[in-house]
Amino acid sequence: MSNTNPIAAAAAQRGRPSRWLAALDWAGLAALLVLPAAWLLDPLLLRAGPCKLTVNANFKPWLAVGLLLAARMALKWWSRRRGRSIRGPQDRFWLGPTLRARLG
């Protein structure tokens, strides 16, 4: 009979939470939410105090989403290569289907 804790074994298989991966996931979700707004309100103007951000409906918002996705994939690949499995909010049960539905 083994003394292995099944909860700890399941958590180790799922991977550790990663702050970098969480930041990339939330930035990707924000970028996906800005895309339709930029298309409908061309240009989308966001103001926060003295800062102003203008988002036009061209290829740059799509490029930002693609770069965030590529960075996330590279981080996951790098962690697996080092023998450590990491997970972010997208790997949980509610955010992953939400992002895939927005992309699909």
PDB file of N, CA and C in Angstrom:
ATOM      1  N   MET A   1       0.839  -1.175   0.000  1.00  0.00           N
ATOM      2  CA  MET A   1       0.000   0.000   0.000  1.00  0.00           C
ATOM      3  C   MET A   1       0.885   1.240   0.000  1.00  0.00           C
ATOM      4  N   SER A   2       0.600   2.170  -0.884  1.00  0.00           N
ATOM      5  CA  SER A   2       1.445   3.352  -0.982  1.00  0.00           C
ATOM      6  C   SER A   2       0.932   4.449  -0.060  1.00  0.00           C
ATOM      7  N   ASN A   3       1.843   5.307   0.315  1.00  0.00           N
ATOM      8  CA  ASN A   3       1.508   6.427   1.196  1.00  0.00           C
ATOM      9  C   ASN A   3       1.311   7.714   0.411  1.00  0.00           C
ATOM     10  N   THR A   4       1.015   7.623  -0.852  1.00  0.00           N
ATOM     11  CA  THR A   4       0.862   8.804  -1.709  1.00  0.00           C
ATOM     12  C   THR A   4      -0.499   9.439  -1.470  1.00  0.00           C
ATOM     13  N   ASN A   5      -0.477  10.729  -1.278  1.00  0.00           N
ATOM     14  CA  ASN A   5      -1.701  11.505  -1.103  1.00  0.00           C
ATOM     15  C   ASN A   5      -2.330  11.711  -2.479  1.00  0.00           C
ATOM     16  N   PRO A   6      -3.556  11.225  -2.738  1.00  0.00           N
ATOM     17  CA  PRO A   6      -4.139  11.356  -4.078  1.00  0.00           C
ATOM     18  C   PRO A   6      -4.420  12.804  -4.466  1.00  0.00           C
ATOM     19  N   ILE A   7      -4.720  13.652  -3.508  1.00  0.00           N
ATOM     20  CA  ILE A   7      -4.975  15.062  -3.814  1.00  0.00           C
ATOM     21  C   ILE A   7      -3.693  15.747  -4.244  1.00  0.00           C
ATOM     22  N   ALA A   8      -2.601  15.474  -3.537  1.00  0.00           N
ATOM     23  CA  ALA A   8      -1.312  16.059  -3.901  1.00  0.00           C
ATOM     24  C   ALA A   8      -0.837  15.543  -5.254  1.00  0.00           C
ATOM     25  N   ALA A   9      -1.086  14.264  -5.529  1.00  0.00           N
ATOM     26  CA  ALA A   9      -0.684  13.698  -6.820  1.00  0.00           C
ATOM     27  C   ALA A   9      -1.467  14.333  -7.966  1.00  0.00           C
ATOM     28  N   ALA A  10      -2.764  14.559  -7.758  1.00  0.00           N
ATOM     29  CA  ALA A  10      -3.579  15.197  -8.796  1.00  0.00           C
ATOM     30  C   ALA A  10      -3.152  16.647  -9.011  1.00  0.00           C
ATOM     31  N   ALA A  11      -2.815  17.350  -7.928  1.00  0.00           N
ATOM     32  CA  ALA A  11      -2.367  18.743  -8.056  1.00  0.00           C
ATOM     33  C   ALA A  11      -1.033  18.821  -8.781  1.00  0.00           C
ATOM     34  N   ALA A  12      -0.139  17.881  -8.515  1.00  0.00           N
ATOM     35  CA  ALA A  12       1.158  17.873  -9.198  1.00  0.00           C
ATOM     36  C   ALA A  12       0.985  17.582 -10.680  1.00  0.00           C
ATOM     37  N   GLN A  13       0.022  16.745 -11.027  1.00  0.00           N
ATOM     38  CA  GLN A  13      -0.214  16.433 -12.431  1.00  0.00           C
ATOM     39  C   GLN A  13      -0.817  17.626 -13.155  1.00  0.00           C
ATOM     40  N   ARG A  14      -1.681  18.379 -12.490  1.00  0.00           N
ATOM     41  CA  ARG A  14      -2.301  19.561 -13.100  1.00  0.00           C
ATOM     42  C   ARG A  14      -1.280  20.661 -13.335  1.00  0.00           C
ATOM     43  N   GLY A  15      -0.331  20.818 -12.451  1.00  0.00           N
ATOM     44  CA  GLY A  15       0.674  21.851 -12.593  1.00  0.00           C
ATOM     45  C   GLY A  15       0.465  22.965 -11.599  1.00  0.00           C
ATOM     46  N   ARG A  16       1.515  23.739 -11.421  1.00  0.00           N
ATOM     47  CA  ARG A  16       1.462  24.853 -10.486  1.00  0.00           C
ATOM     48  C   ARG A  16       0.900  26.083 -11.169  1.00  0.00           C
ATOM     49  N   PRO A  17       0.203  26.943 -10.417  1.00  0.00           N
ATOM     50  CA  PRO A  17      -0.261  28.199 -11.005  1.00  0.00           C
ATOM     51  C   PRO A  17       0.928  29.106 -11.323  1.00  0.00           C
ATOM     52  N   SER A  18       0.834  29.830 -12.396  1.00  0.00           N
ATOM     53  CA  SER A  18       1.910  30.724 -12.818  1.00  0.00           C
ATOM     54  C   SER A  18       1.375  32.144 -12.942  1.00  0.00           C
ATOM     55  N   ARG A  19       2.067  33.088 -12.322  1.00  0.00           N
ATOM     56  CA  ARG A  19       1.642  34.488 -12.416  1.00  0.00           C
ATOM     57  C   ARG A  19       1.853  35.041 -13.822  1.00  0.00           C
ATOM     58  N   TRP A  20       2.941  34.618 -14.467  1.00  0.00           N
ATOM     59  CA  TRP A  20       3.200  35.101 -15.825  1.00  0.00           C
ATOM     60  C   TRP A  20       2.129  34.599 -16.789  1.00  0.00           C
ATOM     61  N   LEU A  21       1.764  33.343 -16.628  1.00  0.00           N
ATOM     62  CA  LEU A  21       0.740  32.774 -17.491  1.00  0.00           C
ATOM     63  C   LEU A  21      -0.613  33.422 -17.228  1.00  0.00           C
ATOM     64  N   ALA A  22      -0.898  33.721 -15.963  1.00  0.00           N
ATOM     65  CA  ALA A  22      -2.148  34.410 -15.629  1.00  0.00           C
ATOM     66  C   ALA A  22      -2.177  35.802 -16.252  1.00  0.00           C
ATOM     67  N   ALA A  23      -1.059  36.509 -16.203  1.00  0.00           N
ATOM     68  CA  ALA A  23      -1.004  37.846 -16.807  1.00  0.00           C
ATOM     69  C   ALA A  23      -1.226  37.775 -18.315  1.00  0.00           C
ATOM     70  N   LEU A  24      -0.616  36.792 -18.964  1.00  0.00           N
ATOM     71  CA  LEU A  24      -0.811  36.635 -20.410  1.00  0.00           C
ATOM     72  C   LEU A  24      -2.253  36.268 -20.737  1.00  0.00           C
ATOM     73  N   ASP A  25      -2.871  35.417 -19.914  1.00  0.00           N
ATOM     74  CA  ASP A  25      -4.265  35.025 -20.155  1.00  0.00           C
ATOM     75  C   ASP A  25      -5.209  36.208 -20.012  1.00  0.00           C
ATOM     76  N   TRP A  26      -5.042  36.998 -18.951  1.00  0.00           N
ATOM     77  CA  TRP A  26      -5.929  38.145 -18.746  1.00  0.00           C
ATOM     78  C   TRP A  26      -5.699  39.218 -19.806  1.00  0.00           C
ATOM     79  N   ALA A  27      -4.445  39.414 -20.222  1.00  0.00           N
ATOM     80  CA  ALA A  27      -4.177  40.375 -21.294  1.00  0.00           C
ATOM     81  C   ALA A  27      -4.798  39.900 -22.607  1.00  0.00           C
ATOM     82  N   GLY A  28      -4.739  38.594 -22.861  1.00  0.00           N
ATOM     83  CA  GLY A  28      -5.365  38.042 -24.066  1.00  0.00           C
ATOM     84  C   GLY A  28      -6.874  38.199 -24.047  1.00  0.00           C
ATOM     85  N   LEU A  29      -7.486  37.990 -22.891  1.00  0.00           N
ATOM     86  CA  LEU A  29      -8.930  38.170 -22.780  1.00  0.00           C
ATOM     87  C   LEU A  29      -9.304  39.636 -23.001  1.00  0.00           C
ATOM     88  N   ALA A  30      -8.531  40.548 -22.415  1.00  0.00           N
ATOM     89  CA  ALA A  30      -8.806  41.977 -22.614  1.00  0.00           C
ATOM     90  C   ALA A  30      -8.648  42.359 -24.082  1.00  0.00           C
ATOM     91  N   ALA A  31      -7.622  41.824 -24.740  1.00  0.00           N
ATOM     92  CA  ALA A  31      -7.414  42.129 -26.158  1.00  0.00           C
ATOM     93  C   ALA A  31      -8.567  41.582 -27.003  1.00  0.00           C
ATOM     94  N   LEU A  32      -9.067  40.391 -26.647  1.00  0.00           N
ATOM     95  CA  LEU A  32     -10.194  39.832 -27.399  1.00  0.00           C
ATOM     96  C   LEU A  32     -11.473  40.633 -27.182  1.00  0.00           C
ATOM     97  N   LEU A  33     -11.628  41.231 -26.012  1.00  0.00           N
ATOM     98  CA  LEU A  33     -12.810  42.051 -25.757  1.00  0.00           C
ATOM     99  C   LEU A  33     -12.717  43.406 -26.453  1.00  0.00           C
ATOM    100  N   VAL A  34     -11.523  43.896 -26.681  1.00  0.00           N
ATOM    101  CA  VAL A  34     -11.340  45.188 -27.349  1.00  0.00           C
ATOM    102  C   VAL A  34     -11.586  45.075 -28.850  1.00  0.00           C
ATOM    103  N   LEU A  35     -11.340  43.891 -29.429  1.00  0.00           N
ATOM    104  CA  LEU A  35     -11.476  43.733 -30.885  1.00  0.00           C
ATOM    105  C   LEU A  35     -12.859  44.118 -31.417  1.00  0.00           C
ATOM    106  N   PRO A  36     -13.970  43.579 -30.875  1.00  0.00           N
ATOM    107  CA  PRO A  36     -15.269  43.975 -31.424  1.00  0.00           C
ATOM    108  C   PRO A  36     -15.609  45.433 -31.145  1.00  0.00           C
ATOM    109  N   ALA A  37     -15.160  45.939 -29.997  1.00  0.00           N
ATOM    110  CA  ALA A  37     -15.420  47.350 -29.686  1.00  0.00           C
ATOM    111  C   ALA A  37     -14.671  48.258 -30.655  1.00  0.00           C
ATOM    112  N   ALA A  38     -13.453  47.898 -30.991  1.00  0.00           N
ATOM    113  CA  ALA A  38     -12.686  48.703 -31.950  1.00  0.00           C
ATOM    114  C   ALA A  38     -13.326  48.635 -33.332  1.00  0.00           C
ATOM    115  N   TRP A  39     -13.892  47.510 -33.672  1.00  0.00           N
ATOM    116  CA  TRP A  39     -14.536  47.374 -34.983  1.00  0.00           C
ATOM    117  C   TRP A  39     -15.828  48.190 -35.033  1.00  0.00           C
ATOM    118  N   LEU A  40     -16.614  48.154 -33.958  1.00  0.00           N
ATOM    119  CA  LEU A  40     -17.883  48.881 -33.938  1.00  0.00           C
ATOM    120  C   LEU A  40     -17.705  50.384 -33.770  1.00  0.00           C
ATOM    121  N   LEU A  41     -16.756  50.808 -32.967  1.00  0.00           N
ATOM    122  CA  LEU A  41     -16.584  52.222 -32.638  1.00  0.00           C
ATOM    123  C   LEU A  41     -15.351  52.814 -33.312  1.00  0.00           C
ATOM    124  N   ASP A  42     -15.005  52.353 -34.468  1.00  0.00           N
ATOM    125  CA  ASP A  42     -13.752  52.725 -35.125  1.00  0.00           C
ATOM    126  C   ASP A  42     -13.572  54.232 -35.175  1.00  0.00           C
ATOM    127  N   PRO A  43     -12.623  54.818 -34.516  1.00  0.00           N
ATOM    128  CA  PRO A  43     -11.654  54.269 -33.574  1.00  0.00           C
ATOM    129  C   PRO A  43     -12.209  54.226 -32.149  1.00  0.00           C
ATOM    130  N   LEU A  44     -11.732  53.260 -31.381  1.00  0.00           N
ATOM    131  CA  LEU A  44     -12.089  53.141 -29.965  1.00  0.00           C
ATOM    132  C   LEU A  44     -11.129  54.013 -29.174  1.00  0.00           C
ATOM    133  N   LEU A  45     -11.662  54.898 -28.365  1.00  0.00           N
ATOM    134  CA  LEU A  45     -10.846  55.826 -27.583  1.00  0.00           C
ATOM    135  C   LEU A  45     -11.010  55.500 -26.112  1.00  0.00           C
ATOM    136  N   LEU A  46      -9.919  55.126 -25.462  1.00  0.00           N
ATOM    137  CA  LEU A  46      -9.908  54.819 -24.035  1.00  0.00           C
ATOM    138  C   LEU A  46      -9.090  55.884 -23.324  1.00  0.00           C
ATOM    139  N   ARG A  47      -9.687  56.491 -22.294  1.00  0.00           N
ATOM    140  CA  ARG A  47      -8.984  57.537 -21.542  1.00  0.00           C
ATOM    141  C   ARG A  47      -8.909  57.150 -20.074  1.00  0.00           C
ATOM    142  N   ALA A  48      -7.755  57.349 -19.492  1.00  0.00           N
ATOM    143  CA  ALA A  48      -7.533  57.138 -18.062  1.00  0.00           C
ATOM    144  C   ALA A  48      -6.670  58.287 -17.566  1.00  0.00           C
ATOM    145  N   GLY A  49      -7.317  59.340 -17.095  1.00  0.00           N
ATOM    146  CA  GLY A  49      -6.581  60.512 -16.642  1.00  0.00           C
ATOM    147  C   GLY A  49      -5.894  61.180 -17.815  1.00  0.00           C
ATOM    148  N   PRO A  50      -4.600  61.444 -17.702  1.00  0.00           N
ATOM    149  CA  PRO A  50      -3.883  62.104 -18.811  1.00  0.00           C
ATOM    150  C   PRO A  50      -3.518  61.147 -19.944  1.00  0.00           C
ATOM    151  N   CYS A  51      -3.682  59.854 -19.743  1.00  0.00           N
ATOM    152  CA  CYS A  51      -3.326  58.864 -20.766  1.00  0.00           C
ATOM    153  C   CYS A  51      -4.499  58.637 -21.713  1.00  0.00           C
ATOM    154  N   LYS A  52      -4.178  58.500 -22.987  1.00  0.00           N
ATOM    155  CA  LYS A  52      -5.197  58.261 -24.004  1.00  0.00           C
ATOM    156  C   LYS A  52      -4.723  57.128 -24.910  1.00  0.00           C
ATOM    157  N   LEU A  53      -5.611  56.170 -25.149  1.00  0.00           N
ATOM    158  CA  LEU A  53      -5.297  55.040 -26.016  1.00  0.00           C
ATOM    159  C   LEU A  53      -6.335  54.969 -27.114  1.00  0.00           C
ATOM    160  N   THR A  54      -5.893  54.991 -28.351  1.00  0.00           N
ATOM    161  CA  THR A  54      -6.786  54.872 -29.495  1.00  0.00           C
ATOM    162  C   THR A  54      -6.522  53.539 -30.183  1.00  0.00           C
ATOM    163  N   VAL A  55      -7.592  52.763 -30.392  1.00  0.00           N
ATOM    164  CA  VAL A  55      -7.477  51.464 -31.060  1.00  0.00           C
ATOM    165  C   VAL A  55      -8.305  51.529 -32.334  1.00  0.00           C
ATOM    166  N   ASN A  56      -7.654  51.371 -33.466  1.00  0.00           N
ATOM    167  CA  ASN A  56      -8.334  51.346 -34.756  1.00  0.00           C
ATOM    168  C   ASN A  56      -8.623  49.910 -35.161  1.00  0.00           C
ATOM    169  N   ALA A  57      -9.596  49.738 -36.023  1.00  0.00           N
ATOM    170  CA  ALA A  57      -9.960  48.393 -36.489  1.00  0.00           C
ATOM    171  C   ALA A  57      -9.095  48.026 -37.699  1.00  0.00           C
ATOM    172  N   ASN A  58      -7.845  47.731 -37.439  1.00  0.00           N
ATOM    173  CA  ASN A  58      -6.950  47.280 -38.503  1.00  0.00           C
ATOM    174  C   ASN A  58      -6.246  46.011 -38.019  1.00  0.00           C
ATOM    175  N   PHE A  59      -5.092  45.710 -38.532  1.00  0.00           N
ATOM    176  CA  PHE A  59      -4.440  44.447 -38.197  1.00  0.00           C
ATOM    177  C   PHE A  59      -3.716  44.482 -36.859  1.00  0.00           C
ATOM    178  N   LYS A  60      -3.443  45.640 -36.275  1.00  0.00           N
ATOM    179  CA  LYS A  60      -2.657  45.704 -35.039  1.00  0.00           C
ATOM    180  C   LYS A  60      -3.336  45.053 -33.836  1.00  0.00           C
ATOM    181  N   PRO A  61      -4.641  45.217 -33.609  1.00  0.00           N
ATOM    182  CA  PRO A  61      -5.243  44.478 -32.494  1.00  0.00           C
ATOM    183  C   PRO A  61      -5.173  42.959 -32.691  1.00  0.00           C
ATOM    184  N   TRP A  62      -5.317  42.504 -33.913  1.00  0.00           N
ATOM    185  CA  TRP A  62      -5.189  41.071 -34.192  1.00  0.00           C
ATOM    186  C   TRP A  62      -3.756  40.605 -33.976  1.00  0.00           C
ATOM    187  N   LEU A  63      -2.811  41.460 -34.326  1.00  0.00           N
ATOM    188  CA  LEU A  63      -1.412  41.137 -34.106  1.00  0.00           C
ATOM    189  C   LEU A  63      -1.112  41.027 -32.609  1.00  0.00           C
ATOM    190  N   ALA A  64      -1.707  41.912 -31.810  1.00  0.00           N
ATOM    191  CA  ALA A  64      -1.508  41.852 -30.359  1.00  0.00           C
ATOM    192  C   ALA A  64      -2.055  40.544 -29.787  1.00  0.00           C
ATOM    193  N   VAL A  65      -3.226  40.134 -30.234  1.00  0.00           N
ATOM    194  CA  VAL A  65      -3.803  38.869 -29.769  1.00  0.00           C
ATOM    195  C   VAL A  65      -2.904  37.705 -30.179  1.00  0.00           C
ATOM    196  N   GLY A  66      -2.421  37.722 -31.401  1.00  0.00           N
ATOM    197  CA  GLY A  66      -1.538  36.655 -31.870  1.00  0.00           C
ATOM    198  C   GLY A  66      -0.225  36.605 -31.102  1.00  0.00           C
ATOM    199  N   LEU A  67       0.352  37.770 -30.800  1.00  0.00           N
ATOM    200  CA  LEU A  67       1.602  37.789 -30.041  1.00  0.00           C
ATOM    201  C   LEU A  67       1.398  37.313 -28.608  1.00  0.00           C
ATOM    202  N   LEU A  68       0.281  37.693 -27.995  1.00  0.00           N
ATOM    203  CA  LEU A  68      -0.008  37.211 -26.638  1.00  0.00           C
ATOM    204  C   LEU A  68      -0.197  35.697 -26.627  1.00  0.00           C
ATOM    205  N   LEU A  69      -0.895  35.165 -27.624  1.00  0.00           N
ATOM    206  CA  LEU A  69      -1.093  33.723 -27.719  1.00  0.00           C
ATOM    207  C   LEU A  69       0.241  33.004 -27.962  1.00  0.00           C
ATOM    208  N   ALA A  70       1.080  33.578 -28.812  1.00  0.00           N
ATOM    209  CA  ALA A  70       2.390  32.971 -29.075  1.00  0.00           C
ATOM    210  C   ALA A  70       3.271  33.001 -27.822  1.00  0.00           C
ATOM    211  N   ALA A  71       3.218  34.089 -27.069  1.00  0.00           N
ATOM    212  CA  ALA A  71       3.996  34.179 -25.828  1.00  0.00           C
ATOM    213  C   ALA A  71       3.505  33.161 -24.810  1.00  0.00           C
ATOM    214  N   ARG A  72       2.185  32.964 -24.743  1.00  0.00           N
ATOM    215  CA  ARG A  72       1.628  31.976 -23.816  1.00  0.00           C
ATOM    216  C   ARG A  72       2.068  30.572 -24.211  1.00  0.00           C
ATOM    217  N   MET A  73       1.998  30.267 -25.490  1.00  0.00           N
ATOM    218  CA  MET A  73       2.406  28.948 -25.961  1.00  0.00           C
ATOM    219  C   MET A  73       3.899  28.712 -25.706  1.00  0.00           C
ATOM    220  N   ALA A  74       4.719  29.749 -25.910  1.00  0.00           N
ATOM    221  CA  ALA A  74       6.158  29.620 -25.674  1.00  0.00           C
ATOM    222  C   ALA A  74       6.453  29.394 -24.193  1.00  0.00           C
ATOM    223  N   LEU A  75       5.739  30.073 -23.312  1.00  0.00           N
ATOM    224  CA  LEU A  75       5.939  29.898 -21.875  1.00  0.00           C
ATOM    225  C   LEU A  75       5.542  28.490 -21.434  1.00  0.00           C
ATOM    226  N   LYS A  76       4.417  27.987 -21.948  1.00  0.00           N
ATOM    227  CA  LYS A  76       4.001  26.622 -21.613  1.00  0.00           C
ATOM    228  C   LYS A  76       5.011  25.602 -22.147  1.00  0.00           C
ATOM    229  N   TRP A  77       5.502  25.811 -23.369  1.00  0.00           N
ATOM    230  CA  TRP A  77       6.481  24.904 -23.963  1.00  0.00           C
ATOM    231  C   TRP A  77       7.764  24.906 -23.149  1.00  0.00           C
ATOM    232  N   TRP A  78       8.225  26.102 -22.751  1.00  0.00           N
ATOM    233  CA  TRP A  78       9.450  26.237 -21.978  1.00  0.00           C
ATOM    234  C   TRP A  78       9.318  25.535 -20.627  1.00  0.00           C
ATOM    235  N   SER A  79       8.157  25.675 -19.983  1.00  0.00           N
ATOM    236  CA  SER A  79       7.983  25.039 -18.672  1.00  0.00           C
ATOM    237  C   SER A  79       7.937  23.516 -18.804  1.00  0.00           C
ATOM    238  N   ARG A  80       7.292  23.008 -19.856  1.00  0.00           N
ATOM    239  CA  ARG A  80       7.270  21.561 -20.057  1.00  0.00           C
ATOM    240  C   ARG A  80       8.659  21.032 -20.371  1.00  0.00           C
ATOM    241  N   ARG A  81       9.426  21.784 -21.118  1.00  0.00           N
ATOM    242  CA  ARG A  81      10.785  21.365 -21.474  1.00  0.00           C
ATOM    243  C   ARG A  81      11.671  21.280 -20.238  1.00  0.00           C
ATOM    244  N   ARG A  82      11.428  22.161 -19.266  1.00  0.00           N
ATOM    245  CA  ARG A  82      12.193  22.143 -18.023  1.00  0.00           C
ATOM    246  C   ARG A  82      11.663  21.108 -17.040  1.00  0.00           C
ATOM    247  N   GLY A  83      10.590  20.423 -17.395  1.00  0.00           N
ATOM    248  CA  GLY A  83      10.052  19.386 -16.534  1.00  0.00           C
ATOM    249  C   GLY A  83       9.061  19.903 -15.507  1.00  0.00           C
ATOM    250  N   ARG A  84       8.636  21.137 -15.656  1.00  0.00           N
ATOM    251  CA  ARG A  84       7.654  21.718 -14.744  1.00  0.00           C
ATOM    252  C   ARG A  84       6.397  22.038 -15.523  1.00  0.00           C
ATOM    253  N   SER A  85       5.299  21.610 -15.015  1.00  0.00           N
ATOM    254  CA  SER A  85       4.028  21.910 -15.658  1.00  0.00           C
ATOM    255  C   SER A  85       3.410  23.106 -14.951  1.00  0.00           C
ATOM    256  N   ILE A  86       3.049  24.131 -15.705  1.00  0.00           N
ATOM    257  CA  ILE A  86       2.398  25.292 -15.121  1.00  0.00           C
ATOM    258  C   ILE A  86       1.017  25.435 -15.731  1.00  0.00           C
ATOM    259  N   ARG A  87       0.159  26.137 -15.043  1.00  0.00           N
ATOM    260  CA  ARG A  87      -1.185  26.376 -15.551  1.00  0.00           C
ATOM    261  C   ARG A  87      -1.581  27.803 -15.246  1.00  0.00           C
ATOM    262  N   GLY A  88      -2.474  28.299 -16.054  1.00  0.00           N
ATOM    263  CA  GLY A  88      -2.997  29.641 -15.874  1.00  0.00           C
ATOM    264  C   GLY A  88      -4.505  29.605 -15.834  1.00  0.00           C
ATOM    265  N   PRO A  89      -5.133  30.777 -15.773  1.00  0.00           N
ATOM    266  CA  PRO A  89      -6.606  30.816 -15.730  1.00  0.00           C
ATOM    267  C   PRO A  89      -7.259  30.175 -16.951  1.00  0.00           C
ATOM    268  N   GLN A  90      -6.606  30.226 -18.100  1.00  0.00           N
ATOM    269  CA  GLN A  90      -7.187  29.634 -19.306  1.00  0.00           C
ATOM    270  C   GLN A  90      -7.269  28.117 -19.193  1.00  0.00           C
ATOM    271  N   ASP A  91      -6.435  27.520 -18.362  1.00  0.00           N
ATOM    272  CA  ASP A  91      -6.448  26.073 -18.193  1.00  0.00           C
ATOM    273  C   ASP A  91      -7.530  25.616 -17.226  1.00  0.00           C
ATOM    274  N   ARG A  92      -8.187  26.544 -16.590  1.00  0.00           N
ATOM    275  CA  ARG A  92      -9.271  26.188 -15.669  1.00  0.00           C
ATOM    276  C   ARG A  92     -10.550  25.977 -16.456  1.00  0.00           C
ATOM    277  N   PHE A  93     -11.589  25.586 -15.776  1.00  0.00           N
ATOM    278  CA  PHE A  93     -12.803  25.132 -16.456  1.00  0.00           C
ATOM    279  C   PHE A  93     -13.624  26.240 -17.091  1.00  0.00           C
ATOM    280  N   TRP A  94     -13.514  27.502 -16.684  1.00  0.00           N
ATOM    281  CA  TRP A  94     -14.425  28.526 -17.218  1.00  0.00           C
ATOM    282  C   TRP A  94     -13.770  29.466 -18.213  1.00  0.00           C
ATOM    283  N   LEU A  95     -12.495  29.785 -18.050  1.00  0.00           N
ATOM    284  CA  LEU A  95     -11.892  30.769 -18.943  1.00  0.00           C
ATOM    285  C   LEU A  95     -11.473  30.165 -20.273  1.00  0.00           C
ATOM    286  N   GLY A  96     -11.020  28.922 -20.284  1.00  0.00           N
ATOM    287  CA  GLY A  96     -10.617  28.286 -21.529  1.00  0.00           C
ATOM    288  C   GLY A  96     -11.720  28.212 -22.561  1.00  0.00           C
ATOM    289  N   PRO A  97     -12.903  27.694 -22.201  1.00  0.00           N
ATOM    290  CA  PRO A  97     -13.997  27.676 -23.171  1.00  0.00           C
ATOM    291  C   PRO A  97     -14.453  29.076 -23.593  1.00  0.00           C
ATOM    292  N   THR A  98     -14.348  30.042 -22.691  1.00  0.00           N
ATOM    293  CA  THR A  98     -14.722  31.414 -23.027  1.00  0.00           C
ATOM    294  C   THR A  98     -13.799  31.964 -24.108  1.00  0.00           C
ATOM    295  N   LEU A  99     -12.500  31.779 -23.941  1.00  0.00           N
ATOM    296  CA  LEU A  99     -11.559  32.277 -24.942  1.00  0.00           C
ATOM    297  C   LEU A  99     -11.703  31.525 -26.266  1.00  0.00           C
ATOM    298  N   ARG A 100     -11.894  30.218 -26.181  1.00  0.00           N
ATOM    299  CA  ARG A 100     -12.060  29.455 -27.426  1.00  0.00           C
ATOM    300  C   ARG A 100     -13.346  29.840 -28.146  1.00  0.00           C
ATOM    301  N   ALA A 101     -14.393  30.183 -27.412  1.00  0.00           N
ATOM    302  CA  ALA A 101     -15.632  30.620 -28.033  1.00  0.00           C
ATOM    303  C   ALA A 101     -15.453  31.974 -28.708  1.00  0.00           C
ATOM    304  N   ARG A 102     -14.650  32.863 -28.106  1.00  0.00           N
ATOM    305  CA  ARG A 102     -14.405  34.171 -28.701  1.00  0.00           C
ATOM    306  C   ARG A 102     -13.575  34.047 -29.976  1.00  0.00           C
ATOM    307  N   LEU A 103     -12.661  33.092 -30.001  1.00  0.00           N
ATOM    308  CA  LEU A 103     -11.822  32.917 -31.187  1.00  0.00           C
ATOM    309  C   LEU A 103     -12.557  32.177 -32.298  1.00  0.00           C
ATOM    310  N   GLY A 104     -13.534  31.351 -31.946  1.00  0.00           N
ATOM    311  CA  GLY A 104     -14.198  30.496 -32.918  1.00  0.00           C
ATOM    312  C   GLY A 104     -15.336  31.105 -33.601  1.00  0.00           C
TER     313      GLY A 104
END
